């Protein structure tokens, strides 16, 4: 007895089952993407949490070392002042000279810190992608791109305008 292909039920699907609609498939895909993004965020939080704890312990140890060093500097400055007194200066003048030296060192450290802070660069790539996020989330038809794609040449990203920044 010969059977036609249309009369044979498909394997794995009961007869009479309907194919899901495009809307249902899109809704399912969006739910899967949402779940994936949430999972990635949770993974990143877990990884950063471990690293942050280790960094906190390390920073605390460096802080303790810095505090102990600062307390030890008091004694070296007293020793310098006493040495200046031993050379024949009045005690109050020798302590005034040491105080001026400490203020001078603090001013130099502040200037170095200020120049270092001015050299901090903004996270330009992150800011650019965050500005584009609403546009990226807007669904585009296949083959129709509504936004320009940055080009990368020799490790530099060319933005929409003439701005460049290093990757």
C-alpha atoms as a PDB file:
ATOM      1  CA  UNK A   1       0.000   0.000   0.000  1.00  0.00           C
ATOM      2  CA  UNK A   2       1.479   3.346  -1.040  1.00  0.00           C
ATOM      3  CA  UNK A   3       1.397   6.342   1.256  1.00  0.00           C
ATOM      4  CA  UNK A   4       1.640   9.915   0.155  1.00  0.00           C
ATOM      5  CA  UNK A   5       3.953  12.336   1.995  1.00  0.00           C
ATOM      6  CA  UNK A   6       1.060  14.578   3.003  1.00  0.00           C
ATOM      7  CA  UNK A   7      -0.795  11.833   4.795  1.00  0.00           C
ATOM      8  CA  UNK A   8       2.173  10.846   7.006  1.00  0.00           C
ATOM      9  CA  UNK A   9       2.304  12.701  10.325  1.00  0.00           C
ATOM     10  CA  UNK A  10       5.608  14.462  10.986  1.00  0.00           C
ATOM     11  CA  UNK A  11       7.926  12.757  13.381  1.00  0.00           C
ATOM     12  CA  UNK A  12       7.993  14.134  16.903  1.00  0.00           C
ATOM     13  CA  UNK A  13       4.839  16.208  16.423  1.00  0.00           C
ATOM     14  CA  UNK A  14       1.359  14.903  17.129  1.00  0.00           C
ATOM     15  CA  UNK A  15      -1.100  15.161  14.318  1.00  0.00           C
ATOM     16  CA  UNK A  16      -3.193  18.300  14.378  1.00  0.00           C
ATOM     17  CA  UNK A  17      -0.495  20.403  16.236  1.00  0.00           C
ATOM     18  CA  UNK A  18      -0.145  23.906  14.854  1.00  0.00           C
ATOM     19  CA  UNK A  19       3.109  25.737  14.167  1.00  0.00           C
ATOM     20  CA  UNK A  20       3.727  28.636  16.589  1.00  0.00           C
ATOM     21  CA  UNK A  21       3.002  32.065  15.183  1.00  0.00           C
ATOM     22  CA  UNK A  22       5.722  34.568  14.331  1.00  0.00           C
ATOM     23  CA  UNK A  23       4.609  36.726  17.257  1.00  0.00           C
ATOM     24  CA  UNK A  24       4.959  33.793  19.654  1.00  0.00           C
ATOM     25  CA  UNK A  25       8.413  32.986  18.279  1.00  0.00           C
ATOM     26  CA  UNK A  26       9.530  36.629  18.616  1.00  0.00           C
ATOM     27  CA  UNK A  27       8.127  36.809  22.137  1.00  0.00           C
ATOM     28  CA  UNK A  28       9.943  33.596  23.050  1.00  0.00           C
ATOM     29  CA  UNK A  29      13.199  34.880  21.539  1.00  0.00           C
ATOM     30  CA  UNK A  30      12.895  38.182  23.416  1.00  0.00           C
ATOM     31  CA  UNK A  31      12.290  36.299  26.672  1.00  0.00           C
ATOM     32  CA  UNK A  32      15.361  34.145  25.996  1.00  0.00           C
ATOM     33  CA  UNK A  33      17.504  37.220  25.263  1.00  0.00           C
ATOM     34  CA  UNK A  34      16.229  38.896  28.427  1.00  0.00           C
ATOM     35  CA  UNK A  35      17.076  35.803  30.480  1.00  0.00           C
ATOM     36  CA  UNK A  36      20.510  35.623  28.871  1.00  0.00           C
ATOM     37  CA  UNK A  37      21.256  39.286  29.632  1.00  0.00           C
ATOM     38  CA  UNK A  38      20.118  38.901  33.250  1.00  0.00           C
ATOM     39  CA  UNK A  39      22.297  35.802  33.623  1.00  0.00           C
ATOM     40  CA  UNK A  40      25.317  37.629  32.191  1.00  0.00           C
ATOM     41  CA  UNK A  41      24.764  40.521  34.590  1.00  0.00           C
ATOM     42  CA  UNK A  42      24.540  38.148  37.554  1.00  0.00           C
ATOM     43  CA  UNK A  43      27.749  36.394  36.431  1.00  0.00           C
ATOM     44  CA  UNK A  44      29.536  39.733  36.110  1.00  0.00           C
ATOM     45  CA  UNK A  45      28.333  40.761  39.587  1.00  0.00           C
ATOM     46  CA  UNK A  46      29.629  37.509  41.068  1.00  0.00           C
ATOM     47  CA  UNK A  47      33.027  37.844  39.376  1.00  0.00           C
ATOM     48  CA  UNK A  48      33.408  41.512  40.273  1.00  0.00           C
ATOM     49  CA  UNK A  49      32.329  40.782  43.845  1.00  0.00           C
ATOM     50  CA  UNK A  50      35.171  38.301  44.313  1.00  0.00           C
ATOM     51  CA  UNK A  51      37.685  40.665  42.753  1.00  0.00           C
ATOM     52  CA  UNK A  52      36.396  43.602  44.796  1.00  0.00           C
ATOM     53  CA  UNK A  53      36.824  41.651  48.025  1.00  0.00           C
ATOM     54  CA  UNK A  54      40.430  40.798  47.153  1.00  0.00           C
ATOM     55  CA  UNK A  55      41.081  44.385  46.077  1.00  0.00           C
ATOM     56  CA  UNK A  56      39.585  45.655  49.351  1.00  0.00           C
ATOM     57  CA  UNK A  57      41.867  43.439  51.414  1.00  0.00           C
ATOM     58  CA  UNK A  58      44.873  44.562  49.379  1.00  0.00           C
ATOM     59  CA  UNK A  59      43.900  48.233  49.676  1.00  0.00           C
ATOM     60  CA  UNK A  60      43.431  47.836  53.429  1.00  0.00           C
ATOM     61  CA  UNK A  61      46.899  46.318  53.775  1.00  0.00           C
ATOM     62  CA  UNK A  62      48.411  49.159  51.753  1.00  0.00           C
ATOM     63  CA  UNK A  63      46.477  51.651  53.877  1.00  0.00           C
ATOM     64  CA  UNK A  64      47.851  50.113  57.065  1.00  0.00           C
ATOM     65  CA  UNK A  65      51.373  50.223  55.637  1.00  0.00           C
ATOM     66  CA  UNK A  66      50.900  53.876  54.689  1.00  0.00           C
ATOM     67  CA  UNK A  67      49.608  54.775  58.163  1.00  0.00           C
ATOM     68  CA  UNK A  68      52.557  53.057  59.854  1.00  0.00           C
ATOM     69  CA  UNK A  69      54.955  54.818  57.510  1.00  0.00           C
ATOM     70  CA  UNK A  70      53.304  58.162  58.266  1.00  0.00           C
ATOM     71  CA  UNK A  71      53.718  57.578  62.015  1.00  0.00           C
ATOM     72  CA  UNK A  72      57.364  56.617  61.521  1.00  0.00           C
ATOM     73  CA  UNK A  73      57.981  59.851  59.609  1.00  0.00           C
ATOM     74  CA  UNK A  74      57.160  61.788  62.753  1.00  0.00           C
ATOM     75  CA  UNK A  75      60.207  60.270  64.427  1.00  0.00           C
ATOM     76  CA  UNK A  76      62.542  60.955  61.514  1.00  0.00           C
ATOM     77  CA  UNK A  77      61.407  64.585  61.423  1.00  0.00           C
ATOM     78  CA  UNK A  78      61.985  64.929  65.171  1.00  0.00           C
ATOM     79  CA  UNK A  79      65.445  63.425  64.679  1.00  0.00           C
ATOM     80  CA  UNK A  80      66.202  65.925  61.881  1.00  0.00           C
ATOM     81  CA  UNK A  81      65.048  68.816  64.068  1.00  0.00           C
ATOM     82  CA  UNK A  82      67.224  67.615  66.965  1.00  0.00           C
ATOM     83  CA  UNK A  83      70.166  67.273  64.586  1.00  0.00           C
ATOM     84  CA  UNK A  84      69.681  70.896  63.490  1.00  0.00           C
ATOM     85  CA  UNK A  85      69.611  71.890  67.175  1.00  0.00           C
ATOM     86  CA  UNK A  86      72.860  69.960  67.717  1.00  0.00           C
ATOM     87  CA  UNK A  87      74.429  72.015  64.886  1.00  0.00           C
ATOM     88  CA  UNK A  88      73.802  75.147  66.954  1.00  0.00           C
ATOM     89  CA  UNK A  89      70.341  76.392  65.887  1.00  0.00           C
ATOM     90  CA  UNK A  90      67.700  77.265  68.420  1.00  0.00           C
ATOM     91  CA  UNK A  91      65.304  74.395  69.012  1.00  0.00           C
ATOM     92  CA  UNK A  92      62.206  76.306  67.832  1.00  0.00           C
ATOM     93  CA  UNK A  93      63.995  77.375  64.615  1.00  0.00           C
ATOM     94  CA  UNK A  94      65.051  73.814  63.831  1.00  0.00           C
ATOM     95  CA  UNK A  95      61.487  72.566  64.355  1.00  0.00           C
ATOM     96  CA  UNK A  96      60.176  75.419  62.183  1.00  0.00           C
ATOM     97  CA  UNK A  97      62.583  74.411  59.400  1.00  0.00           C
ATOM     98  CA  UNK A  98      61.396  70.784  59.602  1.00  0.00           C
ATOM     99  CA  UNK A  99      57.755  71.920  59.562  1.00  0.00           C
ATOM    100  CA  UNK A 100      58.440  73.967  56.420  1.00  0.00           C
ATOM    101  CA  UNK A 101      60.078  70.912  54.816  1.00  0.00           C
ATOM    102  CA  UNK A 102      56.978  68.808  55.579  1.00  0.00           C
ATOM    103  CA  UNK A 103      54.659  71.464  54.112  1.00  0.00           C
ATOM    104  CA  UNK A 104      56.857  71.641  50.995  1.00  0.00           C
ATOM    105  CA  UNK A 105      56.718  67.840  50.561  1.00  0.00           C
ATOM    106  CA  UNK A 106      52.925  67.908  50.986  1.00  0.00           C
ATOM    107  CA  UNK A 107      52.615  70.613  48.310  1.00  0.00           C
ATOM    108  CA  UNK A 108      54.731  68.607  45.860  1.00  0.00           C
ATOM    109  CA  UNK A 109      52.643  65.476  46.531  1.00  0.00           C
ATOM    110  CA  UNK A 110      49.426  67.463  46.003  1.00  0.00           C
ATOM    111  CA  UNK A 111      50.672  68.830  42.679  1.00  0.00           C
ATOM    112  CA  UNK A 112      51.662  65.352  41.503  1.00  0.00           C
ATOM    113  CA  UNK A 113      48.267  63.996  42.541  1.00  0.00           C
ATOM    114  CA  UNK A 114      46.460  66.835  40.807  1.00  0.00           C
ATOM    115  CA  UNK A 115      48.324  66.287  37.540  1.00  0.00           C
ATOM    116  CA  UNK A 116      47.621  62.537  37.734  1.00  0.00           C
ATOM    117  CA  UNK A 117      43.902  63.169  38.209  1.00  0.00           C
ATOM    118  CA  UNK A 118      43.833  65.484  35.207  1.00  0.00           C
ATOM    119  CA  UNK A 119      45.278  62.678  33.055  1.00  0.00           C
ATOM    120  CA  UNK A 120      42.357  60.348  33.777  1.00  0.00           C
ATOM    121  CA  UNK A 121      40.435  59.754  30.567  1.00  0.00           C
ATOM    122  CA  UNK A 122      36.701  59.343  30.281  1.00  0.00           C
ATOM    123  CA  UNK A 123      35.496  55.883  29.222  1.00  0.00           C
ATOM    124  CA  UNK A 124      34.630  57.177  25.742  1.00  0.00           C
ATOM    125  CA  UNK A 125      33.720  53.816  24.202  1.00  0.00           C
ATOM    126  CA  UNK A 126      31.330  53.036  27.049  1.00  0.00           C
ATOM    127  CA  UNK A 127      29.714  56.460  26.884  1.00  0.00           C
ATOM    128  CA  UNK A 128      29.294  56.133  23.105  1.00  0.00           C
ATOM    129  CA  UNK A 129      27.704  52.697  23.367  1.00  0.00           C
ATOM    130  CA  UNK A 130      25.397  53.877  26.150  1.00  0.00           C
ATOM    131  CA  UNK A 131      24.244  56.782  23.984  1.00  0.00           C
ATOM    132  CA  UNK A 132      23.537  54.332  21.155  1.00  0.00           C
ATOM    133  CA  UNK A 133      21.745  51.794  23.339  1.00  0.00           C
ATOM    134  CA  UNK A 134      18.183  53.010  22.658  1.00  0.00           C
ATOM    135  CA  UNK A 135      18.959  53.088  18.957  1.00  0.00           C
ATOM    136  CA  UNK A 136      20.468  49.588  19.035  1.00  0.00           C
ATOM    137  CA  UNK A 137      17.512  48.171  20.946  1.00  0.00           C
ATOM    138  CA  UNK A 138      15.193  49.438  18.220  1.00  0.00           C
ATOM    139  CA  UNK A 139      14.675  46.483  15.899  1.00  0.00           C
ATOM    140  CA  UNK A 140      15.956  47.042  12.372  1.00  0.00           C
ATOM    141  CA  UNK A 141      14.712  45.176   9.338  1.00  0.00           C
ATOM    142  CA  UNK A 142      17.307  42.730   7.942  1.00  0.00           C
ATOM    143  CA  UNK A 143      19.582  44.472   5.461  1.00  0.00           C
ATOM    144  CA  UNK A 144      18.423  47.951   6.458  1.00  0.00           C
ATOM    145  CA  UNK A 145      20.799  49.682   8.838  1.00  0.00           C
ATOM    146  CA  UNK A 146      19.630  53.022  10.211  1.00  0.00           C
ATOM    147  CA  UNK A 147      22.856  53.889  11.978  1.00  0.00           C
ATOM    148  CA  UNK A 148      26.453  54.032  10.857  1.00  0.00           C
ATOM    149  CA  UNK A 149      28.927  51.444  12.063  1.00  0.00           C
ATOM    150  CA  UNK A 150      32.241  52.817  13.412  1.00  0.00           C
ATOM    151  CA  UNK A 151      35.320  51.658  11.528  1.00  0.00           C
ATOM    152  CA  UNK A 152      38.437  50.345  13.243  1.00  0.00           C
ATOM    153  CA  UNK A 153      41.849  51.042  11.710  1.00  0.00           C
ATOM    154  CA  UNK A 154      45.152  50.295  13.445  1.00  0.00           C
ATOM    155  CA  UNK A 155      43.514  50.086  16.870  1.00  0.00           C
ATOM    156  CA  UNK A 156      41.663  53.408  16.463  1.00  0.00           C
ATOM    157  CA  UNK A 157      37.910  53.685  16.196  1.00  0.00           C
ATOM    158  CA  UNK A 158      36.579  56.304  13.800  1.00  0.00           C
ATOM    159  CA  UNK A 159      33.339  57.734  15.183  1.00  0.00           C
ATOM    160  CA  UNK A 160      30.538  59.339  13.189  1.00  0.00           C
ATOM    161  CA  UNK A 161      32.329  62.674  13.169  1.00  0.00           C
ATOM    162  CA  UNK A 162      36.071  63.212  13.120  1.00  0.00           C
ATOM    163  CA  UNK A 163      36.655  62.141  16.739  1.00  0.00           C
ATOM    164  CA  UNK A 164      39.048  59.254  17.315  1.00  0.00           C
ATOM    165  CA  UNK A 165      39.879  57.279  20.370  1.00  0.00           C
ATOM    166  CA  UNK A 166      42.121  54.317  21.047  1.00  0.00           C
ATOM    167  CA  UNK A 167      40.642  50.877  21.607  1.00  0.00           C
END
